[in-house]
PDB file of N, CA and C in Angstrom:
ATOM      1  N   MET A   1     145.875  31.097   6.581  1.00  0.00           N
ATOM      2  CA  MET A   1     147.364  31.827   6.707  1.00  0.00           C
ATOM      3  C   MET A   1     146.868  32.881   8.009  1.00  0.00           C
ATOM      4  N   ALA A   2     147.639  32.979   8.876  1.00  0.00           N
ATOM      5  CA  ALA A   2     147.365  33.997   9.849  1.00  0.00           C
ATOM      6  C   ALA A   2     147.963  35.175   9.439  1.00  0.00           C
ATOM      7  N   ARG A   3     147.163  36.107  10.051  1.00  0.00           N
ATOM      8  CA  ARG A   3     147.604  37.576   9.613  1.00  0.00           C
ATOM      9  C   ARG A   3     148.716  37.988  10.617  1.00  0.00           C
ATOM     10  N   ALA A   4     149.695  38.747   9.825  1.00  0.00           N
ATOM     11  CA  ALA A   4     150.692  39.436  10.537  1.00  0.00           C
ATOM     12  C   ALA A   4     150.398  40.503  11.550  1.00  0.00           C
ATOM     13  N   ILE A   5     149.408  41.309  11.008  1.00  0.00           N
ATOM     14  CA  ILE A   5     148.815  42.351  11.770  1.00  0.00           C
ATOM     15  C   ILE A   5     147.356  42.290  11.997  1.00  0.00           C
ATOM     16  N   SER A   6     146.648  42.259  13.059  1.00  0.00           N
ATOM     17  CA  SER A   6     145.369  41.879  13.109  1.00  0.00           C
ATOM     18  C   SER A   6     144.461  43.090  12.568  1.00  0.00           C
ATOM     19  N   HIS A   7     143.387  42.828  12.238  1.00  0.00           N
ATOM     20  CA  HIS A   7     142.549  44.017  11.714  1.00  0.00           C
ATOM     21  C   HIS A   7     142.323  45.047  12.869  1.00  0.00           C
ATOM     22  N   ALA A   8     142.349  44.789  14.099  1.00  0.00           N
ATOM     23  CA  ALA A   8     142.133  45.580  15.297  1.00  0.00           C
ATOM     24  C   ALA A   8     143.285  46.301  15.520  1.00  0.00           C
ATOM     25  N   ASP A   9     144.646  45.909  15.391  1.00  0.00           N
ATOM     26  CA  ASP A   9     145.658  46.474  15.691  1.00  0.00           C
ATOM     27  C   ASP A   9     145.964  47.518  14.300  1.00  0.00           C
ATOM     28  N   GLY A  10     145.794  46.955  13.374  1.00  0.00           N
ATOM     29  CA  GLY A  10     146.064  47.746  11.980  1.00  0.00           C
ATOM     30  C   GLY A  10     145.066  48.884  12.074  1.00  0.00           C
ATOM     31  N   LYS A  11     143.752  48.770  12.250  1.00  0.00           N
ATOM     32  CA  LYS A  11     142.852  50.016  12.437  1.00  0.00           C
ATOM     33  C   LYS A  11     143.314  50.943  13.366  1.00  0.00           C
ATOM     34  N   ALA A  12     143.900  50.434  14.521  1.00  0.00           N
ATOM     35  CA  ALA A  12     144.109  51.392  15.506  1.00  0.00           C
ATOM     36  C   ALA A  12     145.240  52.188  15.095  1.00  0.00           C
ATOM     37  N   ALA A  13     146.333  51.436  14.776  1.00  0.00           N
ATOM     38  CA  ALA A  13     147.370  52.157  14.092  1.00  0.00           C
ATOM     39  C   ALA A  13     147.070  53.291  13.095  1.00  0.00           C
ATOM     40  N   LEU A  14     146.147  52.813  12.177  1.00  0.00           N
ATOM     41  CA  LEU A  14     145.610  53.891  11.360  1.00  0.00           C
ATOM     42  C   LEU A  14     144.857  55.007  11.779  1.00  0.00           C
ATOM     43  N   ALA A  15     144.228  54.897  12.850  1.00  0.00           N
ATOM     44  CA  ALA A  15     143.380  56.005  13.428  1.00  0.00           C
ATOM     45  C   ALA A  15     144.435  56.883  14.177  1.00  0.00           C
ATOM     46  N   ARG A  16     145.552  56.153  14.760  1.00  0.00           N
ATOM     47  CA  ARG A  16     146.726  56.996  15.430  1.00  0.00           C
ATOM     48  C   ARG A  16     147.490  57.757  14.556  1.00  0.00           C
ATOM     49  N   TRP A  17     147.546  57.223  13.492  1.00  0.00           N
ATOM     50  CA  TRP A  17     148.515  57.947  12.405  1.00  0.00           C
ATOM     51  C   TRP A  17     147.611  59.203  11.983  1.00  0.00           C
ATOM     52  N   LYS A  18     146.092  58.929  11.687  1.00  0.00           N
ATOM     53  CA  LYS A  18     145.436  59.848  11.045  1.00  0.00           C
ATOM     54  C   LYS A  18     145.326  61.080  12.031  1.00  0.00           C
ATOM     55  N   ALA A  19     145.279  60.524  13.275  1.00  0.00           N
ATOM     56  CA  ALA A  19     145.032  61.958  14.345  1.00  0.00           C
ATOM     57  C   ALA A  19     146.210  62.880  14.209  1.00  0.00           C
ATOM     58  N   ASP A  20     147.329  62.595  14.203  1.00  0.00           N
ATOM     59  CA  ASP A  20     148.459  63.171  13.911  1.00  0.00           C
ATOM     60  C   ASP A  20     149.580  62.593  13.413  1.00  0.00           C
ATOM     61  N   PRO A  21     149.681  62.694  12.143  1.00  0.00           N
ATOM     62  CA  PRO A  21     150.912  62.055  11.150  1.00  0.00           C
ATOM     63  C   PRO A  21     152.132  62.348  11.327  1.00  0.00           C
ATOM     64  N   VAL A  22     152.072  63.798  11.762  1.00  0.00           N
ATOM     65  CA  VAL A  22     153.491  64.524  11.892  1.00  0.00           C
ATOM     66  C   VAL A  22     154.314  63.813  13.613  1.00  0.00           C
ATOM     67  N   GLU A  23     153.367  63.743  14.310  1.00  0.00           N
ATOM     68  CA  GLU A  23     153.760  63.259  15.602  1.00  0.00           C
ATOM     69  C   GLU A  23     153.742  61.697  16.190  1.00  0.00           C
ATOM     70  N   CYS A  24     153.182  60.880  14.933  1.00  0.00           N
ATOM     71  CA  CYS A  24     152.986  59.597  15.184  1.00  0.00           C
ATOM     72  C   CYS A  24     154.190  58.788  15.291  1.00  0.00           C
ATOM     73  N   PRO A  25     154.459  57.886  16.221  1.00  0.00           N
ATOM     74  CA  PRO A  25     155.861  57.244  16.601  1.00  0.00           C
ATOM     75  C   PRO A  25     156.017  56.257  15.433  1.00  0.00           C
ATOM     76  N   ARG A  26     157.150  56.027  14.991  1.00  0.00           N
ATOM     77  CA  ARG A  26     157.496  55.397  13.929  1.00  0.00           C
ATOM     78  C   ARG A  26     157.131  53.963  13.765  1.00  0.00           C
ATOM     79  N   SER A  27     156.827  53.250  15.047  1.00  0.00           N
ATOM     80  CA  SER A  27     156.372  52.024  15.165  1.00  0.00           C
ATOM     81  C   SER A  27     155.025  51.987  14.659  1.00  0.00           C
ATOM     82  N   VAL A  28     154.191  52.953  15.102  1.00  0.00           N
ATOM     83  CA  VAL A  28     152.742  52.961  14.835  1.00  0.00           C
ATOM     84  C   VAL A  28     152.602  53.226  13.196  1.00  0.00           C
ATOM     85  N   THR A  29     153.427  54.082  12.663  1.00  0.00           N
ATOM     86  CA  THR A  29     153.240  54.278  11.058  1.00  0.00           C
ATOM     87  C   THR A  29     153.664  53.025  10.545  1.00  0.00           C
ATOM     88  N   ALA A  30     154.704  52.271  10.966  1.00  0.00           N
ATOM     89  CA  ALA A  30     155.087  50.895  10.379  1.00  0.00           C
ATOM     90  C   ALA A  30     153.771  50.061  10.566  1.00  0.00           C
ATOM     91  N   THR A  31     153.267  50.029  11.641  1.00  0.00           N
ATOM     92  CA  THR A  31     152.310  48.964  11.619  1.00  0.00           C
ATOM     93  C   THR A  31     151.186  49.441  10.475  1.00  0.00           C
ATOM     94  N   ALA A  32     150.781  50.902  10.450  1.00  0.00           N
ATOM     95  CA  ALA A  32     149.587  51.195   9.654  1.00  0.00           C
ATOM     96  C   ALA A  32     149.912  50.821   8.201  1.00  0.00           C
ATOM     97  N   VAL A  33     151.047  51.066   8.082  1.00  0.00           N
ATOM     98  CA  VAL A  33     151.880  50.695   6.414  1.00  0.00           C
ATOM     99  C   VAL A  33     151.769  49.288   6.043  1.00  0.00           C
ATOM    100  N   ARG A  34     152.368  48.656   7.232  1.00  0.00           N
ATOM    101  CA  ARG A  34     152.162  46.993   6.882  1.00  0.00           C
ATOM    102  C   ARG A  34     150.679  46.604   6.709  1.00  0.00           C
ATOM    103  N   TYR A  35     149.977  46.958   7.677  1.00  0.00           N
ATOM    104  CA  TYR A  35     148.550  46.630   7.446  1.00  0.00           C
ATOM    105  C   TYR A  35     147.841  46.831   6.103  1.00  0.00           C
ATOM    106  N   THR A  36     148.063  48.191   5.740  1.00  0.00           N
ATOM    107  CA  THR A  36     147.313  48.758   4.588  1.00  0.00           C
ATOM    108  C   THR A  36     147.979  47.827   3.446  1.00  0.00           C
ATOM    109  N   LEU A  37     149.346  47.638   3.305  1.00  0.00           N
ATOM    110  CA  LEU A  37     149.863  46.778   2.069  1.00  0.00           C
ATOM    111  C   LEU A  37     149.493  45.387   2.241  1.00  0.00           C
ATOM    112  N   ALA A  38     149.136  44.998   3.516  1.00  0.00           N
ATOM    113  CA  ALA A  38     148.438  43.474   3.389  1.00  0.00           C
ATOM    114  C   ALA A  38     147.017  43.489   3.029  1.00  0.00           C
ATOM    115  N   GLU A  39     146.348  44.509   3.113  1.00  0.00           N
ATOM    116  CA  GLU A  39     145.037  44.633   2.624  1.00  0.00           C
ATOM    117  C   GLU A  39     145.139  44.792   1.186  1.00  0.00           C
ATOM    118  N   LEU A  40     145.816  45.421   0.730  1.00  0.00           N
ATOM    119  CA  LEU A  40     146.215  45.703  -0.638  1.00  0.00           C
ATOM    120  C   LEU A  40     146.144  44.476  -1.242  1.00  0.00           C
ATOM    121  N   ALA A  41     147.373  43.728  -0.923  1.00  0.00           N
ATOM    122  CA  ALA A  41     147.735  42.313  -1.308  1.00  0.00           C
ATOM    123  C   ALA A  41     146.460  41.403  -1.354  1.00  0.00           C
ATOM    124  N   ALA A  42     145.649  41.475  -0.178  1.00  0.00           N
ATOM    125  CA  ALA A  42     144.569  40.672   0.029  1.00  0.00           C
ATOM    126  C   ALA A  42     143.465  40.998  -1.165  1.00  0.00           C
ATOM    127  N   LEU A  43     143.196  42.098  -1.292  1.00  0.00           N
ATOM    128  CA  LEU A  43     142.248  42.616  -2.286  1.00  0.00           C
ATOM    129  C   LEU A  43     142.567  42.424  -3.698  1.00  0.00           C
ATOM    130  N   TYR A  44     143.833  42.696  -4.121  1.00  0.00           N
ATOM    131  CA  TYR A  44     144.349  42.464  -5.341  1.00  0.00           C
ATOM    132  C   TYR A  44     145.627  41.368  -5.535  1.00  0.00           C
ATOM    133  N   PRO A  45     145.170  40.138  -5.318  1.00  0.00           N
ATOM    134  CA  PRO A  45     146.338  39.234  -5.420  1.00  0.00           C
ATOM    135  C   PRO A  45     147.064  38.981  -6.728  1.00  0.00           C
ATOM    136  N   GLY A  46     148.304  38.802  -6.695  1.00  0.00           N
ATOM    137  CA  GLY A  46     149.138  38.328  -7.778  1.00  0.00           C
ATOM    138  C   GLY A  46     150.333  38.756  -7.708  1.00  0.00           C
ATOM    139  N   HIS A  47     151.313  38.731  -8.402  1.00  0.00           N
ATOM    140  CA  HIS A  47     152.706  38.994  -8.580  1.00  0.00           C
ATOM    141  C   HIS A  47     153.085  39.868  -9.680  1.00  0.00           C
ATOM    142  N   SER A  48     152.366  40.774 -10.401  1.00  0.00           N
ATOM    143  CA  SER A  48     152.939  41.490 -11.472  1.00  0.00           C
ATOM    144  C   SER A  48     153.340  42.893 -11.352  1.00  0.00           C
ATOM    145  N   VAL A  49     152.978  43.518  -9.946  1.00  0.00           N
ATOM    146  CA  VAL A  49     153.428  44.617  -9.607  1.00  0.00           C
ATOM    147  C   VAL A  49     153.917  44.686  -8.407  1.00  0.00           C
ATOM    148  N   GLU A  50     154.951  45.279  -7.852  1.00  0.00           N
ATOM    149  CA  GLU A  50     155.390  45.346  -6.580  1.00  0.00           C
ATOM    150  C   GLU A  50     155.291  46.860  -6.139  1.00  0.00           C
ATOM    151  N   VAL A  51     154.403  47.012  -4.957  1.00  0.00           N
ATOM    152  CA  VAL A  51     154.314  48.114  -4.307  1.00  0.00           C
ATOM    153  C   VAL A  51     155.298  48.315  -3.180  1.00  0.00           C
ATOM    154  N   ARG A  52     156.123  49.281  -3.348  1.00  0.00           N
ATOM    155  CA  ARG A  52     157.223  49.393  -1.973  1.00  0.00           C
ATOM    156  C   ARG A  52     156.948  50.743  -1.262  1.00  0.00           C
ATOM    157  N   VAL A  53     157.124  50.499   0.009  1.00  0.00           N
ATOM    158  CA  VAL A  53     156.923  51.730   1.072  1.00  0.00           C
ATOM    159  C   VAL A  53     158.125  51.538   2.080  1.00  0.00           C
ATOM    160  N   PRO A  54     159.323  51.811   1.409  1.00  0.00           N
ATOM    161  CA  PRO A  54     160.456  51.659   2.313  1.00  0.00           C
ATOM    162  C   PRO A  54     160.578  52.663   3.469  1.00  0.00           C
ATOM    163  N   PRO A  55     161.112  52.046   4.596  1.00  0.00           N
ATOM    164  CA  PRO A  55     161.798  50.545   4.836  1.00  0.00           C
ATOM    165  C   PRO A  55     160.581  49.741   5.532  1.00  0.00           C
ATOM    166  N   PHE A  56     159.418  50.149   5.547  1.00  0.00           N
ATOM    167  CA  PHE A  56     158.477  49.436   6.188  1.00  0.00           C
ATOM    168  C   PHE A  56     157.700  48.131   5.495  1.00  0.00           C
ATOM    169  N   GLY A  57     157.989  48.076   4.060  1.00  0.00           N
ATOM    170  CA  GLY A  57     157.346  47.018   3.649  1.00  0.00           C
ATOM    171  C   GLY A  57     157.038  47.009   2.100  1.00  0.00           C
ATOM    172  N   ALA A  58     156.825  45.818   1.343  1.00  0.00           N
ATOM    173  CA  ALA A  58     156.570  45.683  -0.039  1.00  0.00           C
ATOM    174  C   ALA A  58     155.612  44.644  -0.340  1.00  0.00           C
ATOM    175  N   VAL A  59     154.770  44.568  -1.172  1.00  0.00           N
ATOM    176  CA  VAL A  59     153.931  43.576  -1.545  1.00  0.00           C
ATOM    177  C   VAL A  59     153.839  43.500  -3.101  1.00  0.00           C
ATOM    178  N   GLN A  60     153.576  42.310  -3.483  1.00  0.00           N
ATOM    179  CA  GLN A  60     153.180  42.013  -4.850  1.00  0.00           C
ATOM    180  C   GLN A  60     151.758  42.328  -5.071  1.00  0.00           C
ATOM    181  N   ILE A  61     151.388  42.740  -6.107  1.00  0.00           N
ATOM    182  CA  ILE A  61     149.790  42.746  -6.499  1.00  0.00           C
ATOM    183  C   ILE A  61     149.576  42.350  -7.855  1.00  0.00           C
ATOM    184  N   LEU A  62     148.272  42.079  -8.264  1.00  0.00           N
ATOM    185  CA  LEU A  62     147.571  42.007  -9.564  1.00  0.00           C
ATOM    186  C   LEU A  62     148.223  40.840 -10.240  1.00  0.00           C
ATOM    187  N   GLU A  63     147.129  39.991 -10.672  1.00  0.00           N
ATOM    188  CA  GLU A  63     147.482  38.750 -11.469  1.00  0.00           C
ATOM    189  C   GLU A  63     148.187  39.181 -12.835  1.00  0.00           C
ATOM    190  N   GLY A  64     148.876  38.245 -13.405  1.00  0.00           N
ATOM    191  CA  GLY A  64     149.441  38.507 -14.741  1.00  0.00           C
ATOM    192  C   GLY A  64     150.805  37.957 -14.826  1.00  0.00           C
ATOM    193  N   THR A  65     151.934  38.460 -14.921  1.00  0.00           N
ATOM    194  CA  THR A  65     153.156  38.049 -15.056  1.00  0.00           C
ATOM    195  C   THR A  65     153.846  37.709 -13.671  1.00  0.00           C
ATOM    196  N   HIS A  66     154.139  36.362 -13.635  1.00  0.00           N
ATOM    197  CA  HIS A  66     154.454  35.651 -12.406  1.00  0.00           C
ATOM    198  C   HIS A  66     156.038  36.130 -12.067  1.00  0.00           C
ATOM    199  N   HIS A  67     156.176  36.867 -10.921  1.00  0.00           N
ATOM    200  CA  HIS A  67     157.597  37.381 -10.564  1.00  0.00           C
ATOM    201  C   HIS A  67     158.222  36.541  -9.601  1.00  0.00           C
ATOM    202  N   ARG A  68     159.410  36.059  -9.678  1.00  0.00           N
ATOM    203  CA  ARG A  68     160.092  35.191  -8.596  1.00  0.00           C
ATOM    204  C   ARG A  68     161.386  35.839  -8.142  1.00  0.00           C
ATOM    205  N   ARG A  69     162.289  36.352  -8.955  1.00  0.00           N
ATOM    206  CA  ARG A  69     163.612  37.012  -8.438  1.00  0.00           C
ATOM    207  C   ARG A  69     164.091  38.168  -9.275  1.00  0.00           C
ATOM    208  N   GLY A  70     164.705  38.823  -8.346  1.00  0.00           N
ATOM    209  CA  GLY A  70     165.143  40.066  -8.625  1.00  0.00           C
ATOM    210  C   GLY A  70     164.081  41.481  -8.892  1.00  0.00           C
ATOM    211  N   THR A  71     164.416  42.248  -9.693  1.00  0.00           N
ATOM    212  CA  THR A  71     163.495  43.567  -9.712  1.00  0.00           C
ATOM    213  C   THR A  71     162.237  43.027 -10.681  1.00  0.00           C
ATOM    214  N   PRO A  72     161.262  43.130 -10.010  1.00  0.00           N
ATOM    215  CA  PRO A  72     159.797  42.979 -10.922  1.00  0.00           C
ATOM    216  C   PRO A  72     159.836  43.699 -12.017  1.00  0.00           C
ATOM    217  N   PRO A  73     158.977  43.375 -13.197  1.00  0.00           N
ATOM    218  CA  PRO A  73     158.613  44.207 -14.260  1.00  0.00           C
ATOM    219  C   PRO A  73     157.921  45.604 -14.145  1.00  0.00           C
ATOM    220  N   ALA A  74     157.276  45.474 -12.815  1.00  0.00           N
ATOM    221  CA  ALA A  74     156.521  46.745 -12.685  1.00  0.00           C
ATOM    222  C   ALA A  74     156.819  47.091 -10.955  1.00  0.00           C
ATOM    223  N   VAL A  75     157.174  48.399 -10.785  1.00  0.00           N
ATOM    224  CA  VAL A  75     157.326  48.720  -9.358  1.00  0.00           C
ATOM    225  C   VAL A  75     156.715  49.980  -9.272  1.00  0.00           C
ATOM    226  N   VAL A  76     156.290  50.166  -8.097  1.00  0.00           N
ATOM    227  CA  VAL A  76     155.576  51.598  -7.634  1.00  0.00           C
ATOM    228  C   VAL A  76     156.219  51.819  -6.257  1.00  0.00           C
ATOM    229  N   GLU A  77     156.827  52.863  -5.956  1.00  0.00           N
ATOM    230  CA  GLU A  77     157.556  53.109  -4.679  1.00  0.00           C
ATOM    231  C   GLU A  77     157.157  54.532  -4.287  1.00  0.00           C
ATOM    232  N   MET A  78     156.879  54.722  -2.841  1.00  0.00           N
ATOM    233  CA  MET A  78     156.536  55.958  -2.322  1.00  0.00           C
ATOM    234  C   MET A  78     157.114  55.685  -0.895  1.00  0.00           C
ATOM    235  N   LYS A  79     156.788  56.948  -0.146  1.00  0.00           N
ATOM    236  CA  LYS A  79     157.129  57.221   1.182  1.00  0.00           C
ATOM    237  C   LYS A  79     155.838  56.789   1.773  1.00  0.00           C
ATOM    238  N   ALA A  80     155.975  56.609   3.346  1.00  0.00           N
ATOM    239  CA  ALA A  80     154.854  56.266   3.989  1.00  0.00           C
ATOM    240  C   ALA A  80     154.041  57.140   4.087  1.00  0.00           C
ATOM    241  N   PRO A  81     153.992  58.435   4.391  1.00  0.00           N
ATOM    242  CA  PRO A  81     152.892  59.302   4.538  1.00  0.00           C
ATOM    243  C   PRO A  81     152.093  59.292   3.048  1.00  0.00           C
ATOM    244  N   THR A  82     152.928  59.205   2.070  1.00  0.00           N
ATOM    245  CA  THR A  82     151.889  59.280   0.636  1.00  0.00           C
ATOM    246  C   THR A  82     151.257  58.058   0.788  1.00  0.00           C
ATOM    247  N   TRP A  83     151.668  56.788   0.893  1.00  0.00           N
ATOM    248  CA  TRP A  83     151.214  55.518   0.876  1.00  0.00           C
ATOM    249  C   TRP A  83     149.857  55.629   1.612  1.00  0.00           C
ATOM    250  N   LEU A  84     149.829  56.044   2.908  1.00  0.00           N
ATOM    251  CA  LEU A  84     148.701  56.123   3.825  1.00  0.00           C
ATOM    252  C   LEU A  84     147.769  57.137   3.329  1.00  0.00           C
ATOM    253  N   ASP A  85     148.238  58.219   2.870  1.00  0.00           N
ATOM    254  CA  ASP A  85     147.226  59.162   2.160  1.00  0.00           C
ATOM    255  C   ASP A  85     146.573  58.640   1.255  1.00  0.00           C
ATOM    256  N   LEU A  86     147.094  57.985   0.244  1.00  0.00           N
ATOM    257  CA  LEU A  86     146.484  57.287  -0.770  1.00  0.00           C
ATOM    258  C   LEU A  86     145.786  56.160  -0.422  1.00  0.00           C
ATOM    259  N   ALA A  87     146.136  55.337   0.587  1.00  0.00           N
ATOM    260  CA  ALA A  87     144.971  54.272   0.973  1.00  0.00           C
ATOM    261  C   ALA A  87     143.976  54.829   1.709  1.00  0.00           C
ATOM    262  N   LEU A  88     143.648  55.835   2.200  1.00  0.00           N
ATOM    263  CA  LEU A  88     142.994  56.260   2.893  1.00  0.00           C
ATOM    264  C   LEU A  88     142.006  57.342   2.271  1.00  0.00           C
ATOM    265  N   GLY A  89     142.430  57.720   1.154  1.00  0.00           N
ATOM    266  CA  GLY A  89     141.836  58.582   0.263  1.00  0.00           C
ATOM    267  C   GLY A  89     141.914  59.993   0.392  1.00  0.00           C
ATOM    268  N   ASN A  90     142.846  60.338   1.095  1.00  0.00           N
ATOM    269  CA  ASN A  90     143.390  61.621   1.468  1.00  0.00           C
ATOM    270  C   ASN A  90     143.921  62.196   0.041  1.00  0.00           C
ATOM    271  N   LEU A  91     144.787  61.631  -0.514  1.00  0.00           N
ATOM    272  CA  LEU A  91     145.343  61.907  -1.793  1.00  0.00           C
ATOM    273  C   LEU A  91     144.822  61.176  -3.021  1.00  0.00           C
ATOM    274  N   ALA A  92     144.776  61.876  -4.034  1.00  0.00           N
ATOM    275  CA  ALA A  92     144.345  61.008  -5.475  1.00  0.00           C
ATOM    276  C   ALA A  92     145.559  60.705  -6.150  1.00  0.00           C
ATOM    277  N   TRP A  93     145.420  59.559  -6.822  1.00  0.00           N
ATOM    278  CA  TRP A  93     146.823  58.967  -7.484  1.00  0.00           C
ATOM    279  C   TRP A  93     147.165  60.064  -8.505  1.00  0.00           C
ATOM    280  N   LYS A  94     146.452  60.794  -9.374  1.00  0.00           N
ATOM    281  CA  LYS A  94     147.069  61.549 -10.113  1.00  0.00           C
ATOM    282  C   LYS A  94     147.688  62.643  -9.742  1.00  0.00           C
ATOM    283  N   GLN A  95     147.175  63.212  -8.515  1.00  0.00           N
ATOM    284  CA  GLN A  95     147.970  64.380  -7.772  1.00  0.00           C
ATOM    285  C   GLN A  95     149.254  63.802  -7.417  1.00  0.00           C
ATOM    286  N   ALA A  96     149.338  62.678  -6.753  1.00  0.00           N
ATOM    287  CA  ALA A  96     150.496  61.854  -6.165  1.00  0.00           C
ATOM    288  C   ALA A  96     151.527  61.882  -7.157  1.00  0.00           C
ATOM    289  N   GLN A  97     151.101  61.489  -8.601  1.00  0.00           N
ATOM    290  CA  GLN A  97     152.170  61.388  -9.759  1.00  0.00           C
ATOM    291  C   GLN A  97     152.466  62.821 -10.161  1.00  0.00           C
ATOM    292  N   ARG A  98     151.498  63.696 -10.539  1.00  0.00           N
ATOM    293  CA  ARG A  98     151.702  65.126 -10.811  1.00  0.00           C
ATOM    294  C   ARG A  98     152.849  65.702  -9.800  1.00  0.00           C
ATOM    295  N   THR A  99     152.812  65.447  -8.483  1.00  0.00           N
ATOM    296  CA  THR A  99     153.318  66.353  -7.682  1.00  0.00           C
ATOM    297  C   THR A  99     155.082  65.292  -7.309  1.00  0.00           C
ATOM    298  N   GLY A 100     154.869  64.237  -7.965  1.00  0.00           N
ATOM    299  CA  GLY A 100     156.042  63.386  -7.926  1.00  0.00           C
ATOM    300  C   GLY A 100     156.456  62.861  -6.652  1.00  0.00           C
ATOM    301  N   VAL A 101     155.436  62.499  -5.768  1.00  0.00           N
ATOM    302  CA  VAL A 101     155.693  61.744  -4.605  1.00  0.00           C
ATOM    303  C   VAL A 101     155.418  60.314  -4.643  1.00  0.00           C
ATOM    304  N   VAL A 102     155.115  59.810  -5.882  1.00  0.00           N
ATOM    305  CA  VAL A 102     155.274  58.377  -6.222  1.00  0.00           C
ATOM    306  C   VAL A 102     156.071  58.209  -7.617  1.00  0.00           C
ATOM    307  N   THR A 103     157.039  56.980  -7.574  1.00  0.00           N
ATOM    308  CA  THR A 103     157.754  56.715  -8.335  1.00  0.00           C
ATOM    309  C   THR A 103     157.054  55.210  -8.938  1.00  0.00           C
ATOM    310  N   ALA A 104     156.795  55.215 -10.096  1.00  0.00           N
ATOM    311  CA  ALA A 104     156.176  54.112 -11.000  1.00  0.00           C
ATOM    312  C   ALA A 104     156.991  53.775 -12.301  1.00  0.00           C
ATOM    313  N   SER A 105     157.355  52.710 -12.565  1.00  0.00           N
ATOM    314  CA  SER A 105     157.985  52.170 -13.799  1.00  0.00           C
ATOM    315  C   SER A 105     157.031  50.934 -14.039  1.00  0.00           C
ATOM    316  N   GLY A 106     157.199  50.502 -15.396  1.00  0.00           N
ATOM    317  CA  GLY A 106     156.821  49.255 -15.861  1.00  0.00           C
ATOM    318  C   GLY A 106     155.144  49.407 -16.253  1.00  0.00           C
ATOM    319  N   GLN A 107     154.496  48.373 -16.634  1.00  0.00           N
ATOM    320  CA  GLN A 107     153.352  48.387 -17.091  1.00  0.00           C
ATOM    321  C   GLN A 107     152.457  48.082 -15.989  1.00  0.00           C
ATOM    322  N   ARG A 108     151.019  48.508 -15.821  1.00  0.00           N
ATOM    323  CA  ARG A 108     150.077  48.325 -14.910  1.00  0.00           C
ATOM    324  C   ARG A 108     150.500  49.143 -13.526  1.00  0.00           C
ATOM    325  N   THR A 109     151.301  50.115 -13.561  1.00  0.00           N
ATOM    326  CA  THR A 109     151.707  50.739 -12.284  1.00  0.00           C
ATOM    327  C   THR A 109     150.724  51.947 -12.138  1.00  0.00           C
ATOM    328  N   ASP A 110     149.682  52.131 -12.657  1.00  0.00           N
ATOM    329  CA  ASP A 110     148.675  53.148 -12.321  1.00  0.00           C
ATOM    330  C   ASP A 110     147.804  52.462 -11.515  1.00  0.00           C
ATOM    331  N   LEU A 111     147.817  52.913 -10.203  1.00  0.00           N
ATOM    332  CA  LEU A 111     147.093  52.361  -9.158  1.00  0.00           C
ATOM    333  C   LEU A 111     145.849  53.245  -8.627  1.00  0.00           C
ATOM    334  N   GLY A 112     145.420  53.944  -9.472  1.00  0.00           N
ATOM    335  CA  GLY A 112     144.428  54.999  -9.232  1.00  0.00           C
ATOM    336  C   GLY A 112     143.091  54.403  -9.131  1.00  0.00           C
ATOM    337  N   HIS A 113     142.865  53.041  -9.667  1.00  0.00           N
ATOM    338  CA  HIS A 113     141.450  52.472  -9.743  1.00  0.00           C
ATOM    339  C   HIS A 113     141.583  51.596  -8.745  1.00  0.00           C
ATOM    340  N   LEU A 114     142.589  51.436  -7.899  1.00  0.00           N
ATOM    341  CA  LEU A 114     142.670  50.562  -6.644  1.00  0.00           C
ATOM    342  C   LEU A 114     142.405  51.357  -5.378  1.00  0.00           C
ATOM    343  N   LEU A 115     142.543  52.633  -5.446  1.00  0.00           N
ATOM    344  CA  LEU A 115     142.756  53.253  -4.272  1.00  0.00           C
ATOM    345  C   LEU A 115     141.690  54.339  -4.096  1.00  0.00           C
ATOM    346  N   PRO A 116     141.225  54.856  -3.047  1.00  0.00           N
ATOM    347  CA  PRO A 116     141.570  54.231  -1.636  1.00  0.00           C
ATOM    348  C   PRO A 116     141.260  53.013  -1.460  1.00  0.00           C
ATOM    349  N   LEU A 117     141.696  52.251  -0.515  1.00  0.00           N
ATOM    350  CA  LEU A 117     141.385  50.839  -0.250  1.00  0.00           C
ATOM    351  C   LEU A 117     140.037  50.743   0.256  1.00  0.00           C
ATOM    352  N   PRO A 118     138.927  50.087  -0.053  1.00  0.00           N
ATOM    353  CA  PRO A 118     137.492  50.029   0.204  1.00  0.00           C
ATOM    354  C   PRO A 118     137.281  49.607   1.554  1.00  0.00           C
ATOM    355  N   VAL A 119     138.299  48.827   2.138  1.00  0.00           N
ATOM    356  CA  VAL A 119     138.129  48.254   3.263  1.00  0.00           C
ATOM    357  C   VAL A 119     138.298  49.027   4.751  1.00  0.00           C
ATOM    358  N   LEU A 120     139.103  50.079   4.286  1.00  0.00           N
ATOM    359  CA  LEU A 120     139.293  50.961   5.273  1.00  0.00           C
ATOM    360  C   LEU A 120     138.356  51.969   5.721  1.00  0.00           C
TER     361      LEU A 120
END
């Protein structure tokens, strides 16, 4: 299966976002989010938890309950800057939960042991 975003393009978008998250163009942020979500799904395949970063993307991860339609039994949602900071290790999962920048419902929604993403 071909990657929607190449490693080169994804890493370039991440580097540009890291250099200046506030002034980063929306299209670059979108690429960085989609790339990191794809990496998360590749590292932790499955369908039991849905990770959403609206409006840029969502992936299902972790083996277990197979979800096919409607709202999954476990959902984690956050804004793009929060997701990218978590994926890169600039923000700890517990801190994100404590400050309310992550919404999580259902079982297995503690992603602290999966982040930061080791491939970045």
